[in-house]
Amino acid sequence: ATLEWKDVDGAVLAAVACGKATLFFTVLVCSTLLESRRAGDARSRRRLVAASASRAIFCTQSNDFALGLPVVKALYQDDAPAM
């Protein structure tokens, strides 16, 4: 099975991207603000932002594999049965 780009609904794709971006920045800002009491110098602030970004990435990407794997298996079960 193949997917043609003309069959992709751009509005749905944009809505998913917008939702993920909103969730990413919400988690980034909230995590940074909640942990900002511990930051002292510039180096610890950078570490704090890096940890907050890691949490935000985890929140936005954690279900992609779990939800995407069944779709990939269904699409490619004949071509790659080892999956």
N, C-alpha and C. Protein backbone atom coordinates (compact mmCIF):
# COMPACT_ATOMS: atom_id res chain seq x y z
N ALA A 1 0.84 -1.18 0.00
CA ALA A 1 0.00 0.00 0.00
C ALA A 1 0.89 1.24 0.00
N THR A 2 0.48 2.22 -0.75
CA THR A 2 1.23 3.47 -0.81
C THR A 2 0.30 4.62 -0.50
N LEU A 3 0.88 5.71 -0.14
CA LEU A 3 0.13 6.91 0.19
C LEU A 3 0.46 7.98 -0.84
N GLU A 4 -0.53 8.49 -1.47
CA GLU A 4 -0.35 9.57 -2.44
C GLU A 4 -0.50 10.90 -1.70
N TRP A 5 0.38 11.85 -2.00
CA TRP A 5 0.34 13.15 -1.33
C TRP A 5 -0.95 13.90 -1.62
N LYS A 6 -1.57 13.64 -2.75
CA LYS A 6 -2.82 14.33 -3.06
C LYS A 6 -3.96 13.88 -2.15
N ASP A 7 -3.81 12.68 -1.53
CA ASP A 7 -4.83 12.16 -0.63
C ASP A 7 -4.67 12.66 0.80
N VAL A 8 -3.56 13.30 1.10
CA VAL A 8 -3.30 13.79 2.45
C VAL A 8 -4.06 15.10 2.66
N ASP A 9 -4.82 15.15 3.73
CA ASP A 9 -5.57 16.36 4.06
C ASP A 9 -4.63 17.33 4.78
N GLY A 10 -4.32 18.43 4.13
CA GLY A 10 -3.39 19.41 4.68
C GLY A 10 -3.87 20.03 5.98
N ALA A 11 -5.18 20.20 6.11
CA ALA A 11 -5.73 20.79 7.33
C ALA A 11 -5.50 19.88 8.54
N VAL A 12 -5.66 18.59 8.35
CA VAL A 12 -5.43 17.65 9.45
C VAL A 12 -3.95 17.61 9.82
N LEU A 13 -3.11 17.58 8.81
CA LEU A 13 -1.68 17.58 9.04
C LEU A 13 -1.23 18.86 9.77
N ALA A 14 -1.77 19.98 9.38
CA ALA A 14 -1.44 21.25 10.03
C ALA A 14 -1.97 21.28 11.46
N ALA A 15 -3.16 20.73 11.68
CA ALA A 15 -3.73 20.70 13.03
C ALA A 15 -2.89 19.84 13.96
N VAL A 16 -2.41 18.70 13.47
CA VAL A 16 -1.56 17.83 14.29
C VAL A 16 -0.25 18.54 14.61
N ALA A 17 0.35 19.17 13.62
CA ALA A 17 1.61 19.89 13.84
C ALA A 17 1.42 21.04 14.82
N CYS A 18 0.33 21.77 14.68
CA CYS A 18 0.04 22.89 15.58
C CYS A 18 -0.18 22.39 17.01
N GLY A 19 -0.90 21.30 17.15
CA GLY A 19 -1.14 20.72 18.48
C GLY A 19 0.14 20.26 19.14
N LYS A 20 1.01 19.60 18.37
CA LYS A 20 2.28 19.15 18.92
C LYS A 20 3.17 20.33 19.31
N ALA A 21 3.19 21.36 18.48
CA ALA A 21 4.01 22.54 18.79
C ALA A 21 3.48 23.24 20.04
N THR A 22 2.17 23.35 20.16
CA THR A 22 1.56 23.98 21.34
C THR A 22 1.89 23.19 22.60
N LEU A 23 1.76 21.88 22.53
CA LEU A 23 2.08 21.04 23.69
C LEU A 23 3.57 21.14 24.03
N PHE A 24 4.43 21.13 23.02
CA PHE A 24 5.88 21.23 23.25
C PHE A 24 6.22 22.51 24.00
N PHE A 25 5.74 23.65 23.50
CA PHE A 25 6.10 24.92 24.13
C PHE A 25 5.43 25.10 25.49
N THR A 26 4.24 24.54 25.66
CA THR A 26 3.59 24.59 26.98
C THR A 26 4.40 23.82 28.02
N VAL A 27 4.81 22.62 27.68
CA VAL A 27 5.62 21.81 28.60
C VAL A 27 6.97 22.47 28.84
N LEU A 28 7.58 23.00 27.79
CA LEU A 28 8.87 23.67 27.92
C LEU A 28 8.78 24.85 28.89
N VAL A 29 7.80 25.71 28.71
CA VAL A 29 7.65 26.90 29.55
C VAL A 29 7.29 26.51 30.98
N CYS A 30 6.31 25.62 31.14
CA CYS A 30 5.89 25.25 32.49
C CYS A 30 7.01 24.55 33.26
N SER A 31 7.69 23.64 32.58
CA SER A 31 8.79 22.93 33.24
C SER A 31 9.91 23.89 33.62
N THR A 32 10.23 24.80 32.73
CA THR A 32 11.29 25.78 33.02
C THR A 32 10.88 26.68 34.18
N LEU A 33 9.65 27.15 34.18
CA LEU A 33 9.20 28.03 35.26
C LEU A 33 9.15 27.30 36.61
N LEU A 34 8.69 26.06 36.60
CA LEU A 34 8.59 25.33 37.86
C LEU A 34 9.96 24.97 38.43
N GLU A 35 10.94 24.78 37.58
CA GLU A 35 12.28 24.41 38.03
C GLU A 35 13.22 25.61 38.17
N SER A 36 12.77 26.80 37.81
CA SER A 36 13.66 27.97 37.76
C SER A 36 14.20 28.38 39.12
N ARG A 37 13.58 27.95 40.19
CA ARG A 37 14.08 28.29 41.52
C ARG A 37 15.46 27.70 41.77
N ARG A 38 15.73 26.57 41.12
CA ARG A 38 17.00 25.88 41.36
C ARG A 38 18.15 26.44 40.53
N ALA A 39 17.84 27.21 39.52
CA ALA A 39 18.89 27.73 38.63
C ALA A 39 19.61 28.89 39.30
N GLY A 40 20.92 28.83 39.28
CA GLY A 40 21.71 29.89 39.87
C GLY A 40 22.46 30.67 38.81
N ASP A 41 23.49 30.08 38.28
CA ASP A 41 24.31 30.75 37.27
C ASP A 41 23.81 30.41 35.86
N ALA A 42 24.50 30.95 34.87
CA ALA A 42 24.07 30.77 33.47
C ALA A 42 24.18 29.30 33.04
N ARG A 43 25.18 28.61 33.54
CA ARG A 43 25.36 27.20 33.15
C ARG A 43 24.22 26.34 33.66
N SER A 44 23.82 26.57 34.89
CA SER A 44 22.71 25.78 35.44
C SER A 44 21.39 26.15 34.77
N ARG A 45 21.24 27.39 34.32
CA ARG A 45 20.04 27.77 33.56
C ARG A 45 19.98 27.05 32.23
N ARG A 46 21.14 26.93 31.56
CA ARG A 46 21.18 26.19 30.29
C ARG A 46 20.83 24.72 30.51
N ARG A 47 21.34 24.15 31.57
CA ARG A 47 20.99 22.76 31.90
C ARG A 47 19.51 22.62 32.20
N LEU A 48 18.97 23.60 32.87
CA LEU A 48 17.55 23.58 33.20
C LEU A 48 16.70 23.63 31.93
N VAL A 49 17.06 24.50 31.01
CA VAL A 49 16.33 24.59 29.75
C VAL A 49 16.49 23.30 28.94
N ALA A 50 17.68 22.71 28.96
CA ALA A 50 17.91 21.45 28.26
C ALA A 50 17.06 20.33 28.85
N ALA A 51 16.97 20.27 30.16
CA ALA A 51 16.13 19.26 30.81
C ALA A 51 14.66 19.50 30.50
N SER A 52 14.26 20.75 30.48
CA SER A 52 12.87 21.09 30.14
C SER A 52 12.56 20.72 28.69
N ALA A 53 13.51 20.96 27.80
CA ALA A 53 13.32 20.60 26.40
C ALA A 53 13.22 19.09 26.24
N SER A 54 14.00 18.34 27.02
CA SER A 54 13.92 16.88 26.97
C SER A 54 12.54 16.39 27.42
N ARG A 55 12.01 17.01 28.46
CA ARG A 55 10.66 16.65 28.91
C ARG A 55 9.62 16.98 27.83
N ALA A 56 9.78 18.12 27.20
CA ALA A 56 8.84 18.52 26.16
C ALA A 56 8.89 17.57 24.96
N ILE A 57 10.10 17.16 24.58
CA ILE A 57 10.24 16.20 23.48
C ILE A 57 9.60 14.88 23.87
N PHE A 58 9.82 14.44 25.08
CA PHE A 58 9.21 13.19 25.53
C PHE A 58 7.70 13.27 25.49
N CYS A 59 7.14 14.39 25.92
CA CYS A 59 5.68 14.54 25.93
C CYS A 59 5.08 14.54 24.53
N THR A 60 5.78 15.11 23.57
CA THR A 60 5.21 15.20 22.23
C THR A 60 5.50 13.98 21.38
N GLN A 61 6.56 13.25 21.66
CA GLN A 61 6.95 12.15 20.78
C GLN A 61 6.71 10.76 21.37
N SER A 62 6.26 10.66 22.59
CA SER A 62 6.19 9.36 23.25
C SER A 62 5.19 8.41 22.60
N ASN A 63 4.09 8.89 22.05
CA ASN A 63 3.08 8.01 21.46
C ASN A 63 3.27 7.79 19.97
N ASP A 64 4.20 8.47 19.34
CA ASP A 64 4.37 8.32 17.90
C ASP A 64 4.73 6.89 17.52
N PHE A 65 5.62 6.28 18.26
CA PHE A 65 6.01 4.91 17.94
C PHE A 65 4.88 3.95 18.27
N ALA A 66 4.25 4.12 19.41
CA ALA A 66 3.19 3.20 19.82
C ALA A 66 1.99 3.27 18.88
N LEU A 67 1.68 4.44 18.39
CA LEU A 67 0.55 4.58 17.48
C LEU A 67 0.94 4.33 16.03
N GLY A 68 2.18 4.57 15.68
CA GLY A 68 2.61 4.42 14.30
C GLY A 68 2.99 3.01 13.92
N LEU A 69 3.46 2.21 14.86
CA LEU A 69 3.90 0.85 14.54
C LEU A 69 2.77 -0.01 13.98
N PRO A 70 1.57 -0.01 14.55
CA PRO A 70 0.51 -0.81 13.94
C PRO A 70 0.17 -0.37 12.51
N VAL A 71 0.26 0.91 12.25
CA VAL A 71 -0.01 1.40 10.90
C VAL A 71 1.06 0.92 9.93
N VAL A 72 2.32 1.01 10.33
CA VAL A 72 3.42 0.53 9.48
C VAL A 72 3.30 -0.98 9.26
N LYS A 73 2.97 -1.72 10.30
CA LYS A 73 2.81 -3.16 10.15
C LYS A 73 1.69 -3.49 9.17
N ALA A 74 0.58 -2.77 9.27
CA ALA A 74 -0.55 -3.03 8.37
C ALA A 74 -0.21 -2.69 6.94
N LEU A 75 0.54 -1.63 6.73
CA LEU A 75 0.87 -1.20 5.37
C LEU A 75 1.92 -2.08 4.72
N TYR A 76 2.88 -2.56 5.48
CA TYR A 76 4.03 -3.25 4.91
C TYR A 76 4.13 -4.72 5.33
N GLN A 77 3.05 -5.34 5.76
CA GLN A 77 3.14 -6.72 6.20
C GLN A 77 3.49 -7.69 5.08
N ASP A 78 3.11 -7.37 3.85
CA ASP A 78 3.46 -8.23 2.72
C ASP A 78 4.90 -7.99 2.26
N ASP A 79 5.34 -6.74 2.30
CA ASP A 79 6.68 -6.40 1.82
C ASP A 79 7.79 -6.73 2.82
N ALA A 80 7.51 -6.57 4.10
CA ALA A 80 8.51 -6.81 5.13
C ALA A 80 7.88 -7.56 6.29
N PRO A 81 7.70 -8.87 6.16
CA PRO A 81 7.01 -9.62 7.23
C PRO A 81 7.80 -9.71 8.53
N ALA A 82 9.07 -9.35 8.51
CA ALA A 82 9.88 -9.41 9.73
C ALA A 82 9.51 -8.32 10.73
N MET A 83 8.77 -7.33 10.30
CA MET A 83 8.42 -6.23 11.21
C MET A 83 7.44 -6.69 12.21
